[in-house]
Amino acid sequence: HPVLKRTRPHNGVDFAAPIGTPVRAVGDGIVRI
C-alpha cells in the first residue's frame, strides 16, 4: 500500500482518471452506503 507503507490485500481494481470523471453504476440495484 503506497500510503500505509505495508503489504495488504487490494480487494478491487483501480482505474486512473482525472478528478471529476463520471462514475456509473455497473448494474441496477439499491444504494446501501
PDB file of all heavy atoms in Angstrom:
ATOM      1  N   HIS A   1       0.847  -1.194   0.000  1.00  0.00           N
ATOM      2  CA  HIS A   1       0.000   0.000   0.000  1.00  0.00           C
ATOM      3  C   HIS A   1       0.883   1.245   0.000  1.00  0.00           C
ATOM      4  O   HIS A   1       1.739   1.416   0.880  1.00  0.00           O
ATOM      5  CB  HIS A   1      -0.917   0.002   1.226  1.00  0.00           C
ATOM      6  CG  HIS A   1      -2.048   0.975   1.101  1.00  0.00           C
ATOM      7  ND1 HIS A   1      -1.884   2.328   1.306  1.00  0.00           N
ATOM      8  CD2 HIS A   1      -3.364   0.789   0.781  1.00  0.00           C
ATOM      9  CE1 HIS A   1      -3.046   2.938   1.132  1.00  0.00           C
ATOM     10  NE2 HIS A   1      -3.962   2.026   0.818  1.00  0.00           N
ATOM     11  N   PRO A   2       0.712   2.155  -0.987  1.00  0.00           N
ATOM     12  CA  PRO A   2       1.605   3.307  -1.116  1.00  0.00           C
ATOM     13  C   PRO A   2       1.460   4.332   0.005  1.00  0.00           C
ATOM     14  O   PRO A   2       2.376   5.125   0.216  1.00  0.00           O
ATOM     15  CB  PRO A   2       1.208   3.910  -2.471  1.00  0.00           C
ATOM     16  CG  PRO A   2      -0.197   3.444  -2.686  1.00  0.00           C
ATOM     17  CD  PRO A   2      -0.293   2.099  -2.049  1.00  0.00           C
ATOM     18  N   VAL A   3       0.323   4.336   0.703  1.00  0.00           N
ATOM     19  CA  VAL A   3       0.124   5.301   1.789  1.00  0.00           C
ATOM     20  C   VAL A   3       0.496   4.684   3.131  1.00  0.00           C
ATOM     21  O   VAL A   3       1.231   5.270   3.934  1.00  0.00           O
ATOM     22  CB  VAL A   3      -1.334   5.803   1.813  1.00  0.00           C
ATOM     23  CG1 VAL A   3      -1.542   6.743   3.004  1.00  0.00           C
ATOM     24  CG2 VAL A   3      -1.671   6.517   0.508  1.00  0.00           C
ATOM     25  N   LEU A   4      -0.009   3.455   3.399  1.00  0.00           N
ATOM     26  CA  LEU A   4       0.254   2.795   4.680  1.00  0.00           C
ATOM     27  C   LEU A   4       1.650   2.192   4.749  1.00  0.00           C
ATOM     28  O   LEU A   4       2.130   1.834   5.835  1.00  0.00           O
ATOM     29  CB  LEU A   4      -0.791   1.694   4.920  1.00  0.00           C
ATOM     30  CG  LEU A   4      -2.252   2.183   4.992  1.00  0.00           C
ATOM     31  CD1 LEU A   4      -3.178   0.999   5.168  1.00  0.00           C
ATOM     32  CD2 LEU A   4      -2.420   3.179   6.140  1.00  0.00           C
ATOM     33  N   LYS A   5       2.309   2.029   3.588  1.00  0.00           N
ATOM     34  CA  LYS A   5       3.679   1.502   3.525  1.00  0.00           C
ATOM     35  C   LYS A   5       3.777   0.076   4.083  1.00  0.00           C
ATOM     36  O   LYS A   5       4.739  -0.279   4.767  1.00  0.00           O
ATOM     37  CB  LYS A   5       4.668   2.425   4.266  1.00  0.00           C
ATOM     38  CG  LYS A   5       4.666   3.866   3.793  1.00  0.00           C
ATOM     39  CD  LYS A   5       5.039   3.999   2.330  1.00  0.00           C
ATOM     40  CE  LYS A   5       5.086   5.455   1.885  1.00  0.00           C
ATOM     41  NZ  LYS A   5       5.373   5.584   0.442  1.00  0.00           N
ATOM     42  N   ARG A   6       2.765  -0.715   3.801  1.00  0.00           N
ATOM     43  CA  ARG A   6       2.818  -2.116   4.201  1.00  0.00           C
ATOM     44  C   ARG A   6       2.014  -2.955   3.208  1.00  0.00           C
ATOM     45  O   ARG A   6       1.180  -2.428   2.471  1.00  0.00           O
ATOM     46  CB  ARG A   6       2.288  -2.316   5.631  1.00  0.00           C
ATOM     47  CG  ARG A   6       0.857  -1.867   5.866  1.00  0.00           C
ATOM     48  CD  ARG A   6       0.521  -1.970   7.346  1.00  0.00           C
ATOM     49  NE  ARG A   6      -0.795  -1.441   7.647  1.00  0.00           N
ATOM     50  CZ  ARG A   6      -1.924  -2.135   7.606  1.00  0.00           C
ATOM     51  NH1 ARG A   6      -1.889  -3.414   7.234  1.00  0.00           N
ATOM     52  NH2 ARG A   6      -3.076  -1.578   7.926  1.00  0.00           N
ATOM     53  N   THR A   7       2.300  -4.262   3.220  1.00  0.00           N
ATOM     54  CA  THR A   7       1.638  -5.154   2.280  1.00  0.00           C
ATOM     55  C   THR A   7       0.293  -5.622   2.849  1.00  0.00           C
ATOM     56  O   THR A   7       0.216  -6.028   4.015  1.00  0.00           O
ATOM     57  CB  THR A   7       2.521  -6.381   1.994  1.00  0.00           C
ATOM     58  OG1 THR A   7       3.760  -5.934   1.436  1.00  0.00           O
ATOM     59  CG2 THR A   7       1.831  -7.318   1.008  1.00  0.00           C
ATOM     60  N   ARG A   8      -0.723  -5.528   2.008  1.00  0.00           N
ATOM     61  CA  ARG A   8      -2.048  -5.994   2.406  1.00  0.00           C
ATOM     62  C   ARG A   8      -2.852  -6.267   1.147  1.00  0.00           C
ATOM     63  O   ARG A   8      -2.465  -5.836   0.048  1.00  0.00           O
ATOM     64  CB  ARG A   8      -2.743  -4.992   3.312  1.00  0.00           C
ATOM     65  CG  ARG A   8      -3.170  -3.705   2.632  1.00  0.00           C
ATOM     66  CD  ARG A   8      -3.924  -2.836   3.606  1.00  0.00           C
ATOM     67  NE  ARG A   8      -4.795  -1.896   2.933  1.00  0.00           N
ATOM     68  CZ  ARG A   8      -5.700  -1.151   3.555  1.00  0.00           C
ATOM     69  NH1 ARG A   8      -5.833  -1.234   4.867  1.00  0.00           N
ATOM     70  NH2 ARG A   8      -6.461  -0.329   2.883  1.00  0.00           N
ATOM     71  N   PRO A   9      -3.993  -6.969   1.248  1.00  0.00           N
ATOM     72  CA  PRO A   9      -4.784  -7.278   0.045  1.00  0.00           C
ATOM     73  C   PRO A   9      -5.312  -6.014  -0.630  1.00  0.00           C
ATOM     74  O   PRO A   9      -5.619  -5.018   0.036  1.00  0.00           O
ATOM     75  CB  PRO A   9      -5.926  -8.128   0.597  1.00  0.00           C
ATOM     76  CG  PRO A   9      -5.432  -8.676   1.878  1.00  0.00           C
ATOM     77  CD  PRO A   9      -4.540  -7.614   2.451  1.00  0.00           C
ATOM     78  N   HIS A  10      -5.388  -6.069  -1.932  1.00  0.00           N
ATOM     79  CA  HIS A  10      -6.021  -4.999  -2.714  1.00  0.00           C
ATOM     80  C   HIS A  10      -7.303  -5.585  -3.311  1.00  0.00           C
ATOM     81  O   HIS A  10      -7.287  -6.242  -4.348  1.00  0.00           O
ATOM     82  CB  HIS A  10      -5.080  -4.501  -3.818  1.00  0.00           C
ATOM     83  CG  HIS A  10      -5.611  -3.307  -4.547  1.00  0.00           C
ATOM     84  ND1 HIS A  10      -5.915  -3.328  -5.894  1.00  0.00           N
ATOM     85  CD2 HIS A  10      -5.903  -2.056  -4.107  1.00  0.00           C
ATOM     86  CE1 HIS A  10      -6.355  -2.124  -6.253  1.00  0.00           C
ATOM     87  NE2 HIS A  10      -6.364  -1.342  -5.185  1.00  0.00           N
ATOM     88  N   ASN A  11      -8.395  -5.365  -2.583  1.00  0.00           N
ATOM     89  CA  ASN A  11      -9.653  -6.038  -2.912  1.00  0.00           C
ATOM     90  C   ASN A  11     -10.456  -5.287  -3.971  1.00  0.00           C
ATOM     91  O   ASN A  11     -11.615  -4.906  -3.741  1.00  0.00           O
ATOM     92  CB  ASN A  11     -10.488  -6.216  -1.639  1.00  0.00           C
ATOM     93  CG  ASN A  11      -9.800  -7.093  -0.617  1.00  0.00           C
ATOM     94  OD1 ASN A  11      -9.244  -8.128  -0.970  1.00  0.00           O
ATOM     95  ND2 ASN A  11      -9.807  -6.669   0.639  1.00  0.00           N
ATOM     96  N   GLY A  12      -9.852  -5.061  -5.090  1.00  0.00           N
ATOM     97  CA  GLY A  12     -10.548  -4.377  -6.163  1.00  0.00           C
ATOM     98  C   GLY A  12      -9.605  -3.996  -7.279  1.00  0.00           C
ATOM     99  O   GLY A  12      -8.449  -4.430  -7.329  1.00  0.00           O
ATOM    100  N   VAL A  13     -10.106  -3.152  -8.167  1.00  0.00           N
ATOM    101  CA  VAL A  13      -9.320  -2.681  -9.303  1.00  0.00           C
ATOM    102  C   VAL A  13      -9.331  -1.152  -9.284  1.00  0.00           C
ATOM    103  O   VAL A  13     -10.371  -0.535  -9.050  1.00  0.00           O
ATOM    104  CB  VAL A  13      -9.916  -3.194 -10.635  1.00  0.00           C
ATOM    105  CG1 VAL A  13      -9.189  -2.579 -11.823  1.00  0.00           C
ATOM    106  CG2 VAL A  13      -9.851  -4.708 -10.696  1.00  0.00           C
ATOM    107  N   ASP A  14      -8.171  -0.555  -9.500  1.00  0.00           N
ATOM    108  CA  ASP A  14      -8.063   0.904  -9.558  1.00  0.00           C
ATOM    109  C   ASP A  14      -8.066   1.369 -11.011  1.00  0.00           C
ATOM    110  O   ASP A  14      -7.311   0.849 -11.842  1.00  0.00           O
ATOM    111  CB  ASP A  14      -6.779   1.379  -8.880  1.00  0.00           C
ATOM    112  CG  ASP A  14      -6.822   1.197  -7.372  1.00  0.00           C
ATOM    113  OD1 ASP A  14      -7.924   0.943  -6.848  1.00  0.00           O
ATOM    114  OD2 ASP A  14      -5.764   1.311  -6.731  1.00  0.00           O
ATOM    115  N   PHE A  15      -8.903   2.368 -11.277  1.00  0.00           N
ATOM    116  CA  PHE A  15      -8.970   2.978 -12.605  1.00  0.00           C
ATOM    117  C   PHE A  15      -8.444   4.402 -12.498  1.00  0.00           C
ATOM    118  O   PHE A  15      -9.022   5.230 -11.785  1.00  0.00           O
ATOM    119  CB  PHE A  15     -10.410   2.994 -13.126  1.00  0.00           C
ATOM    120  CG  PHE A  15     -10.985   1.633 -13.396  1.00  0.00           C
ATOM    121  CD1 PHE A  15     -11.618   0.920 -12.394  1.00  0.00           C
ATOM    122  CD2 PHE A  15     -10.896   1.069 -14.658  1.00  0.00           C
ATOM    123  CE1 PHE A  15     -12.166  -0.329 -12.635  1.00  0.00           C
ATOM    124  CE2 PHE A  15     -11.436  -0.179 -14.916  1.00  0.00           C
ATOM    125  CZ  PHE A  15     -12.064  -0.881 -13.899  1.00  0.00           C
ATOM    126  N   ALA A  16      -7.349   4.691 -13.186  1.00  0.00           N
ATOM    127  CA  ALA A  16      -6.784   6.049 -13.175  1.00  0.00           C
ATOM    128  C   ALA A  16      -7.602   6.942 -14.099  1.00  0.00           C
ATOM    129  O   ALA A  16      -7.873   6.581 -15.242  1.00  0.00           O
ATOM    130  CB  ALA A  16      -5.330   6.021 -13.617  1.00  0.00           C
ATOM    131  N   ALA A  17      -7.995   8.095 -13.581  1.00  0.00           N
ATOM    132  CA  ALA A  17      -8.789   9.041 -14.368  1.00  0.00           C
ATOM    133  C   ALA A  17      -8.730  10.410 -13.702  1.00  0.00           C
ATOM    134  O   ALA A  17      -8.491  10.504 -12.494  1.00  0.00           O
ATOM    135  CB  ALA A  17     -10.237   8.571 -14.483  1.00  0.00           C
ATOM    136  N   PRO A  18      -8.938  11.485 -14.447  1.00  0.00           N
ATOM    137  CA  PRO A  18      -8.897  12.834 -13.866  1.00  0.00           C
ATOM    138  C   PRO A  18     -10.025  13.045 -12.861  1.00  0.00           C
ATOM    139  O   PRO A  18     -11.085  12.415 -12.943  1.00  0.00           O
ATOM    140  CB  PRO A  18      -9.070  13.753 -15.092  1.00  0.00           C
ATOM    141  CG  PRO A  18      -8.733  12.916 -16.267  1.00  0.00           C
ATOM    142  CD  PRO A  18      -9.119  11.520 -15.914  1.00  0.00           C
ATOM    143  N   ILE A  19      -9.789  13.942 -11.917  1.00  0.00           N
ATOM    144  CA  ILE A  19     -10.837  14.308 -10.961  1.00  0.00           C
ATOM    145  C   ILE A  19     -12.049  14.841 -11.723  1.00  0.00           C
ATOM    146  O   ILE A  19     -11.926  15.650 -12.638  1.00  0.00           O
ATOM    147  CB  ILE A  19     -10.325  15.369  -9.973  1.00  0.00           C
ATOM    148  CG1 ILE A  19      -9.293  14.750  -9.033  1.00  0.00           C
ATOM    149  CG2 ILE A  19     -11.473  15.974  -9.166  1.00  0.00           C
ATOM    150  CD1 ILE A  19      -8.702  15.725  -8.039  1.00  0.00           C
ATOM    151  N   GLY A  20     -13.231  14.385 -11.323  1.00  0.00           N
ATOM    152  CA  GLY A  20     -14.470  14.829 -11.957  1.00  0.00           C
ATOM    153  C   GLY A  20     -15.000  13.888 -13.015  1.00  0.00           C
ATOM    154  O   GLY A  20     -16.116  14.071 -13.501  1.00  0.00           O
ATOM    155  N   THR A  21     -14.210  12.863 -13.411  1.00  0.00           N
ATOM    156  CA  THR A  21     -14.676  11.896 -14.403  1.00  0.00           C
ATOM    157  C   THR A  21     -15.911  11.170 -13.865  1.00  0.00           C
ATOM    158  O   THR A  21     -15.892  10.661 -12.750  1.00  0.00           O
ATOM    159  CB  THR A  21     -13.577  10.872 -14.733  1.00  0.00           C
ATOM    160  OG1 THR A  21     -12.421  11.556 -15.212  1.00  0.00           O
ATOM    161  CG2 THR A  21     -14.058   9.876 -15.774  1.00  0.00           C
ATOM    162  N   PRO A  22     -17.003  11.104 -14.627  1.00  0.00           N
ATOM    163  CA  PRO A  22     -18.221  10.463 -14.128  1.00  0.00           C
ATOM    164  C   PRO A  22     -18.013   8.975 -13.817  1.00  0.00           C
ATOM    165  O   PRO A  22     -17.352   8.259 -14.570  1.00  0.00           O
ATOM    166  CB  PRO A  22     -19.220  10.642 -15.280  1.00  0.00           C
ATOM    167  CG  PRO A  22     -18.702  11.802 -16.060  1.00  0.00           C
ATOM    168  CD  PRO A  22     -17.206  11.712 -15.950  1.00  0.00           C
ATOM    169  N   VAL A  23     -18.585   8.537 -12.709  1.00  0.00           N
ATOM    170  CA  VAL A  23     -18.570   7.134 -12.303  1.00  0.00           C
ATOM    171  C   VAL A  23     -20.002   6.609 -12.408  1.00  0.00           C
ATOM    172  O   VAL A  23     -20.933   7.257 -11.964  1.00  0.00           O
ATOM    173  CB  VAL A  23     -18.058   6.985 -10.853  1.00  0.00           C
ATOM    174  CG1 VAL A  23     -18.142   5.528 -10.398  1.00  0.00           C
ATOM    175  CG2 VAL A  23     -16.639   7.520 -10.730  1.00  0.00           C
ATOM    176  N   ARG A  24     -20.175   5.430 -12.980  1.00  0.00           N
ATOM    177  CA  ARG A  24     -21.511   4.892 -13.221  1.00  0.00           C
ATOM    178  C   ARG A  24     -21.709   3.550 -12.516  1.00  0.00           C
ATOM    179  O   ARG A  24     -20.762   2.783 -12.307  1.00  0.00           O
ATOM    180  CB  ARG A  24     -21.732   4.721 -14.721  1.00  0.00           C
ATOM    181  CG  ARG A  24     -20.669   3.889 -15.393  1.00  0.00           C
ATOM    182  CD  ARG A  24     -20.759   3.899 -16.894  1.00  0.00           C
ATOM    183  NE  ARG A  24     -19.763   3.026 -17.487  1.00  0.00           N
ATOM    184  CZ  ARG A  24     -19.755   2.668 -18.760  1.00  0.00           C
ATOM    185  NH1 ARG A  24     -20.693   3.099 -19.578  1.00  0.00           N
ATOM    186  NH2 ARG A  24     -18.822   1.880 -19.228  1.00  0.00           N
ATOM    187  N   ALA A  25     -22.939   3.296 -12.143  1.00  0.00           N
ATOM    188  CA  ALA A  25     -23.291   2.006 -11.560  1.00  0.00           C
ATOM    189  C   ALA A  25     -23.205   0.942 -12.643  1.00  0.00           C
ATOM    190  O   ALA A  25     -23.681   1.149 -13.764  1.00  0.00           O
ATOM    191  CB  ALA A  25     -24.700   2.060 -10.985  1.00  0.00           C
ATOM    192  N   VAL A  26     -22.620  -0.211 -12.320  1.00  0.00           N
ATOM    193  CA  VAL A  26     -22.454  -1.243 -13.337  1.00  0.00           C
ATOM    194  C   VAL A  26     -23.721  -2.061 -13.543  1.00  0.00           C
ATOM    195  O   VAL A  26     -23.813  -2.839 -14.498  1.00  0.00           O
ATOM    196  CB  VAL A  26     -21.283  -2.190 -12.987  1.00  0.00           C
ATOM    197  CG1 VAL A  26     -19.970  -1.430 -12.957  1.00  0.00           C
ATOM    198  CG2 VAL A  26     -21.538  -2.917 -11.676  1.00  0.00           C
ATOM    199  N   GLY A  27     -24.696  -1.894 -12.655  1.00  0.00           N
ATOM    200  CA  GLY A  27     -25.946  -2.633 -12.812  1.00  0.00           C
ATOM    201  C   GLY A  27     -27.053  -2.020 -11.975  1.00  0.00           C
ATOM    202  O   GLY A  27     -26.805  -1.145 -11.126  1.00  0.00           O
ATOM    203  N   ASP A  28     -28.292  -2.460 -12.206  1.00  0.00           N
ATOM    204  CA  ASP A  28     -29.412  -1.995 -11.401  1.00  0.00           C
ATOM    205  C   ASP A  28     -29.233  -2.446  -9.956  1.00  0.00           C
ATOM    206  O   ASP A  28     -28.705  -3.540  -9.688  1.00  0.00           O
ATOM    207  CB  ASP A  28     -30.727  -2.567 -11.931  1.00  0.00           C
ATOM    208  CG  ASP A  28     -31.044  -2.086 -13.344  1.00  0.00           C
ATOM    209  OD1 ASP A  28     -30.307  -1.210 -13.841  1.00  0.00           O
ATOM    210  OD2 ASP A  28     -32.006  -2.586 -13.945  1.00  0.00           O
ATOM    211  N   GLY A  29     -29.676  -1.645  -9.011  1.00  0.00           N
ATOM    212  CA  GLY A  29     -29.557  -2.060  -7.619  1.00  0.00           C
ATOM    213  C   GLY A  29     -30.057  -1.027  -6.642  1.00  0.00           C
ATOM    214  O   GLY A  29     -30.623   0.008  -7.014  1.00  0.00           O
ATOM    215  N   ILE A  30     -29.847  -1.319  -5.339  1.00  0.00           N
ATOM    216  CA  ILE A  30     -30.253  -0.450  -4.248  1.00  0.00           C
ATOM    217  C   ILE A  30     -29.009   0.083  -3.549  1.00  0.00           C
ATOM    218  O   ILE A  30     -28.085  -0.682  -3.219  1.00  0.00           O
ATOM    219  CB  ILE A  30     -31.127  -1.213  -3.218  1.00  0.00           C
ATOM    220  CG1 ILE A  30     -32.340  -1.842  -3.903  1.00  0.00           C
ATOM    221  CG2 ILE A  30     -31.564  -0.279  -2.097  1.00  0.00           C
ATOM    222  CD1 ILE A  30     -33.312  -0.844  -4.478  1.00  0.00           C
ATOM    223  N   VAL A  31     -28.972   1.410  -3.328  1.00  0.00           N
ATOM    224  CA  VAL A  31     -27.836   2.031  -2.653  1.00  0.00           C
ATOM    225  C   VAL A  31     -27.861   1.658  -1.173  1.00  0.00           C
ATOM    226  O   VAL A  31     -28.875   1.833  -0.493  1.00  0.00           O
ATOM    227  CB  VAL A  31     -27.871   3.565  -2.817  1.00  0.00           C
ATOM    228  CG1 VAL A  31     -26.713   4.212  -2.052  1.00  0.00           C
ATOM    229  CG2 VAL A  31     -27.812   3.949  -4.292  1.00  0.00           C
ATOM    230  N   ARG A  32     -26.735   1.135  -0.663  1.00  0.00           N
ATOM    231  CA  ARG A  32     -26.614   0.788   0.753  1.00  0.00           C
ATOM    232  C   ARG A  32     -25.789   1.811   1.516  1.00  0.00           C
ATOM    233  O   ARG A  32     -26.082   2.116   2.672  1.00  0.00           O
ATOM    234  CB  ARG A  32     -25.979  -0.606   0.902  1.00  0.00           C
ATOM    235  CG  ARG A  32     -26.785  -1.723   0.269  1.00  0.00           C
ATOM    236  CD  ARG A  32     -28.207  -1.760   0.796  1.00  0.00           C
ATOM    237  NE  ARG A  32     -29.003  -2.836   0.196  1.00  0.00           N
ATOM    238  CZ  ARG A  32     -30.330  -2.916   0.289  1.00  0.00           C
ATOM    239  NH1 ARG A  32     -30.998  -1.975   0.958  1.00  0.00           N
ATOM    240  NH2 ARG A  32     -30.968  -3.912  -0.284  1.00  0.00           N
ATOM    241  N   ILE A  33     -24.729   2.316   0.892  1.00  0.00           N
ATOM    242  CA  ILE A  33     -23.866   3.326   1.520  1.00  0.00           C
ATOM    243  C   ILE A  33     -23.641   4.452   0.510  1.00  0.00           C
ATOM    244  O   ILE A  33     -23.380   4.195  -0.665  1.00  0.00           O
ATOM    245  CB  ILE A  33     -22.514   2.726   1.947  1.00  0.00           C
ATOM    246  CG1 ILE A  33     -22.708   1.599   2.974  1.00  0.00           C
ATOM    247  CG2 ILE A  33     -21.600   3.814   2.520  1.00  0.00           C
ATOM    248  CD1 ILE A  33     -21.412   0.874   3.321  1.00  0.00           C
TER     249      ILE A  33
END
